[in-house]
Full PDB file with SEQRES, HELIX, SHEET, SSBOND, CRYST1, ORIGX, SCALE, CONECT and MASTER records, all heavy atoms in Angstrom:
SEQRES   1 A   30  GLU LEU GLU ASP GLY ARG ILE GLY GLN ILE THR GLY ASN          
SEQRES   2 A   30  THR CYS PRO ARG GLY ALA ASP TYR VAL THR LYS GLU LEU          
SEQRES   3 A   30  THR ASP PRO ARG                                              
HELIX    1 AA1 PRO A   16  THR A   27  1                                  12    
SHEET    1 AA1 2 LEU A   2  GLU A   3  0                                        
SHEET    2 AA1 2 ARG A   6  ILE A   7 -1                                        
CRYST1    1.000    1.000    1.000  90.00  90.00  90.00 P 1           1          
ORIGX1      1.000000  0.000000  0.000000        0.00000                         
ORIGX2      0.000000  1.000000  0.000000        0.00000                         
ORIGX3      0.000000  0.000000  1.000000        0.00000                         
SCALE1      1.000000  0.000000  0.000000        0.00000                         
SCALE2      0.000000  1.000000  0.000000        0.00000                         
SCALE3      0.000000  0.000000  1.000000        0.00000                         
ATOM      1  N   GLU A   1      -3.249  -2.734  -5.971  1.00  0.00           N  
ATOM      2  CA  GLU A   1      -2.949  -3.572  -7.156  1.00  0.00           C  
ATOM      3  C   GLU A   1      -1.442  -3.803  -7.129  1.00  0.00           C  
ATOM      4  O   GLU A   1      -0.652  -2.922  -7.029  1.00  0.00           O  
ATOM      5  CB  GLU A   1      -3.364  -2.810  -8.447  1.00  0.00           C  
ATOM      6  CG  GLU A   1      -4.871  -2.564  -8.568  1.00  0.00           C  
ATOM      7  CD  GLU A   1      -5.201  -1.903  -9.842  1.00  0.00           C  
ATOM      8  OE1 GLU A   1      -4.301  -1.674 -10.735  1.00  0.00           O  
ATOM      9  OE2 GLU A   1      -6.448  -1.580 -10.010  1.00  0.00           O  
ATOM     10  N   LEU A   2      -1.134  -5.004  -7.368  1.00  0.00           N  
ATOM     11  CA  LEU A   2       0.268  -5.527  -7.350  1.00  0.00           C  
ATOM     12  C   LEU A   2       0.551  -5.979  -8.748  1.00  0.00           C  
ATOM     13  O   LEU A   2      -0.232  -6.821  -9.249  1.00  0.00           O  
ATOM     14  CB  LEU A   2       0.608  -6.591  -6.368  1.00  0.00           C  
ATOM     15  CG  LEU A   2       0.361  -6.177  -4.892  1.00  0.00           C  
ATOM     16  CD1 LEU A   2       0.443  -7.473  -4.035  1.00  0.00           C  
ATOM     17  CD2 LEU A   2       1.441  -5.141  -4.500  1.00  0.00           C  
ATOM     18  N   GLU A   3       1.607  -5.599  -9.316  1.00  0.00           N  
ATOM     19  CA  GLU A   3       2.058  -6.205 -10.655  1.00  0.00           C  
ATOM     20  C   GLU A   3       3.461  -6.570 -10.537  1.00  0.00           C  
ATOM     21  O   GLU A   3       4.383  -5.799 -10.267  1.00  0.00           O  
ATOM     22  CB  GLU A   3       1.917  -5.069 -11.779  1.00  0.00           C  
ATOM     23  CG  GLU A   3       2.156  -5.648 -13.104  1.00  0.00           C  
ATOM     24  CD  GLU A   3       1.757  -4.761 -14.271  1.00  0.00           C  
ATOM     25  OE1 GLU A   3       1.041  -3.792 -14.077  1.00  0.00           O  
ATOM     26  OE2 GLU A   3       2.034  -5.083 -15.446  1.00  0.00           O  
ATOM     27  N   ASP A   4       3.651  -7.922 -10.734  1.00  0.00           N  
ATOM     28  CA  ASP A   4       4.977  -8.502 -10.539  1.00  0.00           C  
ATOM     29  C   ASP A   4       5.603  -8.194  -9.131  1.00  0.00           C  
ATOM     30  O   ASP A   4       6.795  -7.906  -9.036  1.00  0.00           O  
ATOM     31  CB  ASP A   4       5.952  -8.107 -11.674  1.00  0.00           C  
ATOM     32  CG  ASP A   4       5.474  -8.621 -13.045  1.00  0.00           C  
ATOM     33  OD1 ASP A   4       4.913  -9.748 -13.027  1.00  0.00           O  
ATOM     34  OD2 ASP A   4       5.683  -7.902 -13.998  1.00  0.00           O  
ATOM     35  N   GLY A   5       4.712  -8.093  -8.093  1.00  0.00           N  
ATOM     36  CA  GLY A   5       5.176  -7.819  -6.825  1.00  0.00           C  
ATOM     37  C   GLY A   5       5.355  -6.322  -6.423  1.00  0.00           C  
ATOM     38  O   GLY A   5       5.696  -6.008  -5.305  1.00  0.00           O  
ATOM     39  N   ARG A   6       5.174  -5.531  -7.438  1.00  0.00           N  
ATOM     40  CA  ARG A   6       5.363  -4.016  -7.183  1.00  0.00           C  
ATOM     41  C   ARG A   6       3.963  -3.477  -6.973  1.00  0.00           C  
ATOM     42  O   ARG A   6       3.014  -3.740  -7.545  1.00  0.00           O  
ATOM     43  CB  ARG A   6       6.062  -3.347  -8.419  1.00  0.00           C  
ATOM     44  CG  ARG A   6       7.481  -3.716  -8.576  1.00  0.00           C  
ATOM     45  CD  ARG A   6       8.147  -2.908  -9.700  1.00  0.00           C  
ATOM     46  NE  ARG A   6       7.386  -3.021 -10.943  1.00  0.00           N  
ATOM     47  CZ  ARG A   6       7.621  -3.866 -11.892  1.00  0.00           C  
ATOM     48  NH1 ARG A   6       8.610  -4.663 -11.722  1.00  0.00           N  
ATOM     49  NH2 ARG A   6       6.936  -3.855 -13.001  1.00  0.00           N  
ATOM     50  N   ILE A   7       4.013  -2.387  -5.950  1.00  0.00           N  
ATOM     51  CA  ILE A   7       2.747  -1.818  -5.626  1.00  0.00           C  
ATOM     52  C   ILE A   7       2.365  -0.814  -6.695  1.00  0.00           C  
ATOM     53  O   ILE A   7       3.154   0.002  -7.191  1.00  0.00           O  
ATOM     54  CB  ILE A   7       2.937  -1.010  -4.251  1.00  0.00           C  
ATOM     55  CG1 ILE A   7       3.252  -2.005  -3.175  1.00  0.00           C  
ATOM     56  CG2 ILE A   7       1.663  -0.224  -3.948  1.00  0.00           C  
ATOM     57  CD1 ILE A   7       3.658  -1.433  -1.841  1.00  0.00           C  
ATOM     58  N   GLY A   8       1.100  -0.929  -7.071  1.00  0.00           N  
ATOM     59  CA  GLY A   8       0.537  -0.070  -8.091  1.00  0.00           C  
ATOM     60  C   GLY A   8      -0.463   0.863  -7.416  1.00  0.00           C  
ATOM     61  O   GLY A   8      -0.198   1.488  -6.435  1.00  0.00           O  
ATOM     62  N   GLN A   9      -1.692   0.945  -8.026  1.00  0.00           N  
ATOM     63  CA  GLN A   9      -2.719   1.814  -7.466  1.00  0.00           C  
ATOM     64  C   GLN A   9      -3.258   1.382  -6.180  1.00  0.00           C  
ATOM     65  O   GLN A   9      -3.543   0.107  -5.916  1.00  0.00           O  
ATOM     66  CB  GLN A   9      -3.847   1.918  -8.555  1.00  0.00           C  
ATOM     67  CG  GLN A   9      -4.890   2.952  -8.117  1.00  0.00           C  
ATOM     68  CD  GLN A   9      -5.976   2.998  -9.211  1.00  0.00           C  
ATOM     69  OE1 GLN A   9      -6.040   2.298 -10.126  1.00  0.00           O  
ATOM     70  NE2 GLN A   9      -6.883   4.072  -9.027  1.00  0.00           N  
ATOM     71  N   ILE A  10      -3.409   2.312  -5.287  1.00  0.00           N  
ATOM     72  CA  ILE A  10      -3.972   2.091  -3.921  1.00  0.00           C  
ATOM     73  C   ILE A  10      -5.313   2.864  -3.824  1.00  0.00           C  
ATOM     74  O   ILE A  10      -5.349   4.095  -4.130  1.00  0.00           O  
ATOM     75  CB  ILE A  10      -3.049   2.485  -2.797  1.00  0.00           C  
ATOM     76  CG1 ILE A  10      -1.758   1.723  -2.891  1.00  0.00           C  
ATOM     77  CG2 ILE A  10      -3.639   2.348  -1.440  1.00  0.00           C  
ATOM     78  CD1 ILE A  10      -0.624   2.251  -1.947  1.00  0.00           C  
ATOM     79  N   THR A  11      -6.410   2.212  -3.505  1.00  0.00           N  
ATOM     80  CA  THR A  11      -7.696   2.829  -3.479  1.00  0.00           C  
ATOM     81  C   THR A  11      -8.394   2.469  -2.110  1.00  0.00           C  
ATOM     82  O   THR A  11      -8.114   1.386  -1.644  1.00  0.00           O  
ATOM     83  CB  THR A  11      -8.587   2.503  -4.620  1.00  0.00           C  
ATOM     84  OG1 THR A  11      -8.680   0.984  -4.730  1.00  0.00           O  
ATOM     85  CG2 THR A  11      -8.039   3.004  -5.937  1.00  0.00           C  
ATOM     86  N   GLY A  12      -9.360   3.205  -1.760  1.00  0.00           N  
ATOM     87  CA  GLY A  12     -10.252   2.959  -0.615  1.00  0.00           C  
ATOM     88  C   GLY A  12      -9.884   3.595   0.650  1.00  0.00           C  
ATOM     89  O   GLY A  12     -10.620   3.679   1.549  1.00  0.00           O  
ATOM     90  N   ASN A  13      -8.652   4.138   0.731  1.00  0.00           N  
ATOM     91  CA  ASN A  13      -8.307   4.902   1.872  1.00  0.00           C  
ATOM     92  C   ASN A  13      -8.853   6.350   1.876  1.00  0.00           C  
ATOM     93  O   ASN A  13      -8.918   7.020   0.883  1.00  0.00           O  
ATOM     94  CB  ASN A  13      -6.736   5.013   1.971  1.00  0.00           C  
ATOM     95  CG  ASN A  13      -6.009   5.540   0.737  1.00  0.00           C  
ATOM     96  OD1 ASN A  13      -6.266   5.035  -0.294  1.00  0.00           O  
ATOM     97  ND2 ASN A  13      -5.247   6.509   0.916  1.00  0.00           N  
ATOM     98  N   THR A  14      -9.281   6.824   3.033  1.00  0.00           N  
ATOM     99  CA  THR A  14      -9.850   8.105   3.150  1.00  0.00           C  
ATOM    100  C   THR A  14      -8.873   9.199   3.563  1.00  0.00           C  
ATOM    101  O   THR A  14      -9.171  10.400   3.547  1.00  0.00           O  
ATOM    102  CB  THR A  14     -11.076   8.142   4.052  1.00  0.00           C  
ATOM    103  OG1 THR A  14     -10.709   7.725   5.331  1.00  0.00           O  
ATOM    104  CG2 THR A  14     -12.205   7.322   3.491  1.00  0.00           C  
ATOM    105  N   CYS A  15      -7.680   8.778   4.012  1.00  0.00           N  
ATOM    106  CA  CYS A  15      -6.559   9.692   4.415  1.00  0.00           C  
ATOM    107  C   CYS A  15      -5.287   9.116   3.868  1.00  0.00           C  
ATOM    108  O   CYS A  15      -5.170   8.007   3.550  1.00  0.00           O  
ATOM    109  CB  CYS A  15      -6.629   9.970   5.903  1.00  0.00           C  
ATOM    110  SG  CYS A  15      -5.967   8.607   6.931  1.00  0.00           S  
ATOM    111  N   PRO A  16      -4.248   9.898   3.901  1.00  0.00           N  
ATOM    112  CA  PRO A  16      -2.923   9.527   3.419  1.00  0.00           C  
ATOM    113  C   PRO A  16      -2.401   8.405   4.195  1.00  0.00           C  
ATOM    114  O   PRO A  16      -1.483   7.617   3.702  1.00  0.00           O  
ATOM    115  CB  PRO A  16      -2.073  10.788   3.465  1.00  0.00           C  
ATOM    116  CG  PRO A  16      -3.083  11.906   3.600  1.00  0.00           C  
ATOM    117  CD  PRO A  16      -4.298  11.421   4.225  1.00  0.00           C  
ATOM    118  N   ARG A  17      -2.734   8.221   5.463  1.00  0.00           N  
ATOM    119  CA  ARG A  17      -2.126   7.208   6.281  1.00  0.00           C  
ATOM    120  C   ARG A  17      -2.474   5.815   5.761  1.00  0.00           C  
ATOM    121  O   ARG A  17      -1.745   4.883   5.956  1.00  0.00           O  
ATOM    122  CB  ARG A  17      -2.659   7.337   7.753  1.00  0.00           C  
ATOM    123  CG  ARG A  17      -2.000   8.540   8.438  1.00  0.00           C  
ATOM    124  CD  ARG A  17      -2.387   8.563   9.930  1.00  0.00           C  
ATOM    125  NE  ARG A  17      -3.643   9.190   9.998  1.00  0.00           N  
ATOM    126  CZ  ARG A  17      -4.258   9.505  11.101  1.00  0.00           C  
ATOM    127  NH1 ARG A  17      -3.690   9.142  12.235  1.00  0.00           N  
ATOM    128  NH2 ARG A  17      -5.415  10.110  11.162  1.00  0.00           N  
ATOM    129  N   GLY A  18      -3.602   5.721   5.045  1.00  0.00           N  
ATOM    130  CA  GLY A  18      -3.939   4.404   4.419  1.00  0.00           C  
ATOM    131  C   GLY A  18      -2.964   3.945   3.432  1.00  0.00           C  
ATOM    132  O   GLY A  18      -2.594   2.758   3.480  1.00  0.00           O  
ATOM    133  N   ALA A  19      -2.515   4.849   2.501  1.00  0.00           N  
ATOM    134  CA  ALA A  19      -1.574   4.433   1.530  1.00  0.00           C  
ATOM    135  C   ALA A  19      -0.242   4.120   2.221  1.00  0.00           C  
ATOM    136  O   ALA A  19       0.460   3.239   1.815  1.00  0.00           O  
ATOM    137  CB  ALA A  19      -1.405   5.535   0.526  1.00  0.00           C  
ATOM    138  N   ASP A  20       0.147   4.911   3.178  1.00  0.00           N  
ATOM    139  CA  ASP A  20       1.364   4.747   3.912  1.00  0.00           C  
ATOM    140  C   ASP A  20       1.351   3.352   4.605  1.00  0.00           C  
ATOM    141  O   ASP A  20       2.313   2.546   4.584  1.00  0.00           O  
ATOM    142  CB  ASP A  20       1.665   5.784   4.935  1.00  0.00           C  
ATOM    143  CG  ASP A  20       1.957   7.085   4.315  1.00  0.00           C  
ATOM    144  OD1 ASP A  20       2.258   7.162   3.127  1.00  0.00           O  
ATOM    145  OD2 ASP A  20       1.854   8.150   5.055  1.00  0.00           O  
ATOM    146  N   TYR A  21       0.199   3.038   5.267  1.00  0.00           N  
ATOM    147  CA  TYR A  21       0.036   1.780   5.991  1.00  0.00           C  
ATOM    148  C   TYR A  21       0.240   0.513   5.001  1.00  0.00           C  
ATOM    149  O   TYR A  21       0.943  -0.316   5.252  1.00  0.00           O  
ATOM    150  CB  TYR A  21      -1.336   1.655   6.700  1.00  0.00           C  
ATOM    151  CG  TYR A  21      -1.496   0.302   7.245  1.00  0.00           C  
ATOM    152  CD1 TYR A  21      -0.827  -0.176   8.341  1.00  0.00           C  
ATOM    153  CD2 TYR A  21      -2.440  -0.572   6.532  1.00  0.00           C  
ATOM    154  CE1 TYR A  21      -1.065  -1.460   8.792  1.00  0.00           C  
ATOM    155  CE2 TYR A  21      -2.609  -1.778   6.979  1.00  0.00           C  
ATOM    156  CZ  TYR A  21      -1.964  -2.311   8.097  1.00  0.00           C  
ATOM    157  OH  TYR A  21      -2.205  -3.589   8.569  1.00  0.00           O  
ATOM    158  N   VAL A  22      -0.519   0.591   3.919  1.00  0.00           N  
ATOM    159  CA  VAL A  22      -0.569  -0.471   2.928  1.00  0.00           C  
ATOM    160  C   VAL A  22       0.906  -0.704   2.369  1.00  0.00           C  
ATOM    161  O   VAL A  22       1.432  -1.803   2.286  1.00  0.00           O  
ATOM    162  CB  VAL A  22      -1.537  -0.285   1.844  1.00  0.00           C  
ATOM    163  CG1 VAL A  22      -1.326  -1.197   0.706  1.00  0.00           C  
ATOM    164  CG2 VAL A  22      -2.913  -0.430   2.412  1.00  0.00           C  
ATOM    165  N   THR A  23       1.556   0.415   2.015  1.00  0.00           N  
ATOM    166  CA  THR A  23       2.987   0.274   1.463  1.00  0.00           C  
ATOM    167  C   THR A  23       3.857  -0.386   2.528  1.00  0.00           C  
ATOM    168  O   THR A  23       4.650  -1.284   2.140  1.00  0.00           O  
ATOM    169  CB  THR A  23       3.440   1.731   1.011  1.00  0.00           C  
ATOM    170  OG1 THR A  23       2.592   2.237   0.141  1.00  0.00           O  
ATOM    171  CG2 THR A  23       4.830   1.620   0.506  1.00  0.00           C  
ATOM    172  N   LYS A  24       3.752   0.082   3.799  1.00  0.00           N  
ATOM    173  CA  LYS A  24       4.698  -0.468   4.716  1.00  0.00           C  
ATOM    174  C   LYS A  24       4.287  -1.900   5.054  1.00  0.00           C  
ATOM    175  O   LYS A  24       5.178  -2.747   5.189  1.00  0.00           O  
ATOM    176  CB  LYS A  24       4.490   0.404   6.002  1.00  0.00           C  
ATOM    177  CG  LYS A  24       5.511   0.034   7.161  1.00  0.00           C  
ATOM    178  CD  LYS A  24       5.344   0.978   8.300  1.00  0.00           C  
ATOM    179  CE  LYS A  24       6.279   0.716   9.386  1.00  0.00           C  
ATOM    180  NZ  LYS A  24       6.185   1.588  10.489  1.00  0.00           N  
ATOM    181  N   GLU A  25       3.000  -2.241   5.031  1.00  0.00           N  
ATOM    182  CA  GLU A  25       2.594  -3.591   5.390  1.00  0.00           C  
ATOM    183  C   GLU A  25       3.075  -4.588   4.311  1.00  0.00           C  
ATOM    184  O   GLU A  25       3.341  -5.697   4.628  1.00  0.00           O  
ATOM    185  CB  GLU A  25       1.060  -3.517   5.502  1.00  0.00           C  
ATOM    186  CG  GLU A  25       0.564  -4.926   5.925  1.00  0.00           C  
ATOM    187  CD  GLU A  25       0.922  -5.414   7.351  1.00  0.00           C  
ATOM    188  OE1 GLU A  25       1.428  -4.609   8.204  1.00  0.00           O  
ATOM    189  OE2 GLU A  25       0.724  -6.614   7.585  1.00  0.00           O  
ATOM    190  N   LEU A  26       3.071  -4.182   3.095  1.00  0.00           N  
ATOM    191  CA  LEU A  26       3.492  -5.047   2.006  1.00  0.00           C  
ATOM    192  C   LEU A  26       4.994  -5.106   1.796  1.00  0.00           C  
ATOM    193  O   LEU A  26       5.508  -6.134   1.263  1.00  0.00           O  
ATOM    194  CB  LEU A  26       2.769  -4.582   0.752  1.00  0.00           C  
ATOM    195  CG  LEU A  26       1.221  -4.786   0.705  1.00  0.00           C  
ATOM    196  CD1 LEU A  26       0.646  -4.303  -0.579  1.00  0.00           C  
ATOM    197  CD2 LEU A  26       0.849  -6.277   0.889  1.00  0.00           C  
ATOM    198  N   THR A  27       5.724  -4.121   2.202  1.00  0.00           N  
ATOM    199  CA  THR A  27       7.194  -4.069   2.003  1.00  0.00           C  
ATOM    200  C   THR A  27       7.988  -4.363   3.262  1.00  0.00           C  
ATOM    201  O   THR A  27       9.010  -4.937   3.167  1.00  0.00           O  
ATOM    202  CB  THR A  27       7.559  -2.724   1.384  1.00  0.00           C  
ATOM    203  OG1 THR A  27       7.270  -1.656   2.371  1.00  0.00           O  
ATOM    204  CG2 THR A  27       6.976  -2.465   0.049  1.00  0.00           C  
ATOM    205  N   ASP A  28       7.501  -3.957   4.369  1.00  0.00           N  
ATOM    206  CA  ASP A  28       8.233  -4.139   5.667  1.00  0.00           C  
ATOM    207  C   ASP A  28       7.313  -4.126   6.818  1.00  0.00           C  
ATOM    208  O   ASP A  28       7.245  -3.169   7.600  1.00  0.00           O  
ATOM    209  CB  ASP A  28       9.277  -2.942   5.859  1.00  0.00           C  
ATOM    210  CG  ASP A  28      10.132  -3.184   7.112  1.00  0.00           C  
ATOM    211  OD1 ASP A  28      10.309  -4.287   7.556  1.00  0.00           O  
ATOM    212  OD2 ASP A  28      10.648  -2.148   7.556  1.00  0.00           O  
ATOM    213  N   PRO A  29       6.521  -5.241   6.974  1.00  0.00           N  
ATOM    214  CA  PRO A  29       5.554  -5.214   8.087  1.00  0.00           C  
ATOM    215  C   PRO A  29       6.156  -5.220   9.402  1.00  0.00           C  
ATOM    216  O   PRO A  29       7.122  -5.939   9.684  1.00  0.00           O  
ATOM    217  CB  PRO A  29       4.725  -6.548   7.812  1.00  0.00           C  
ATOM    218  CG  PRO A  29       5.670  -7.438   6.940  1.00  0.00           C  
ATOM    219  CD  PRO A  29       6.487  -6.410   6.231  1.00  0.00           C  
ATOM    220  N   ARG A  30       5.592  -4.363  10.274  1.00  0.00           N  
ATOM    221  CA  ARG A  30       6.159  -4.235  11.658  1.00  0.00           C  
ATOM    222  C   ARG A  30       5.042  -4.202  12.600  1.00  0.00           C  
ATOM    223  O   ARG A  30       3.931  -3.844  12.281  1.00  0.00           O  
ATOM    224  CB  ARG A  30       6.973  -2.940  11.750  1.00  0.00           C  
ATOM    225  CG  ARG A  30       8.198  -3.016  10.761  1.00  0.00           C  
ATOM    226  CD  ARG A  30       8.853  -1.625  10.670  1.00  0.00           C  
ATOM    227  NE  ARG A  30       9.889  -1.339  11.606  1.00  0.00           N  
ATOM    228  CZ  ARG A  30      11.122  -1.966  11.662  1.00  0.00           C  
ATOM    229  NH1 ARG A  30      11.398  -2.899  10.728  1.00  0.00           N  
ATOM    230  NH2 ARG A  30      11.986  -1.635  12.549  1.00  0.00           N  
TER     231      ARG A  30                                                      
MASTER        0    0    0    1    2    0    0    6  230    1    0    3          
END                                                                             
């Protein structure tokens, strides 16, 4: 969930790497 471009709740990941990946992908994709 994004609110005004800021990352909010992240769901659906079964391990912590999912949240890390999404955060990185939305802020600094590499």
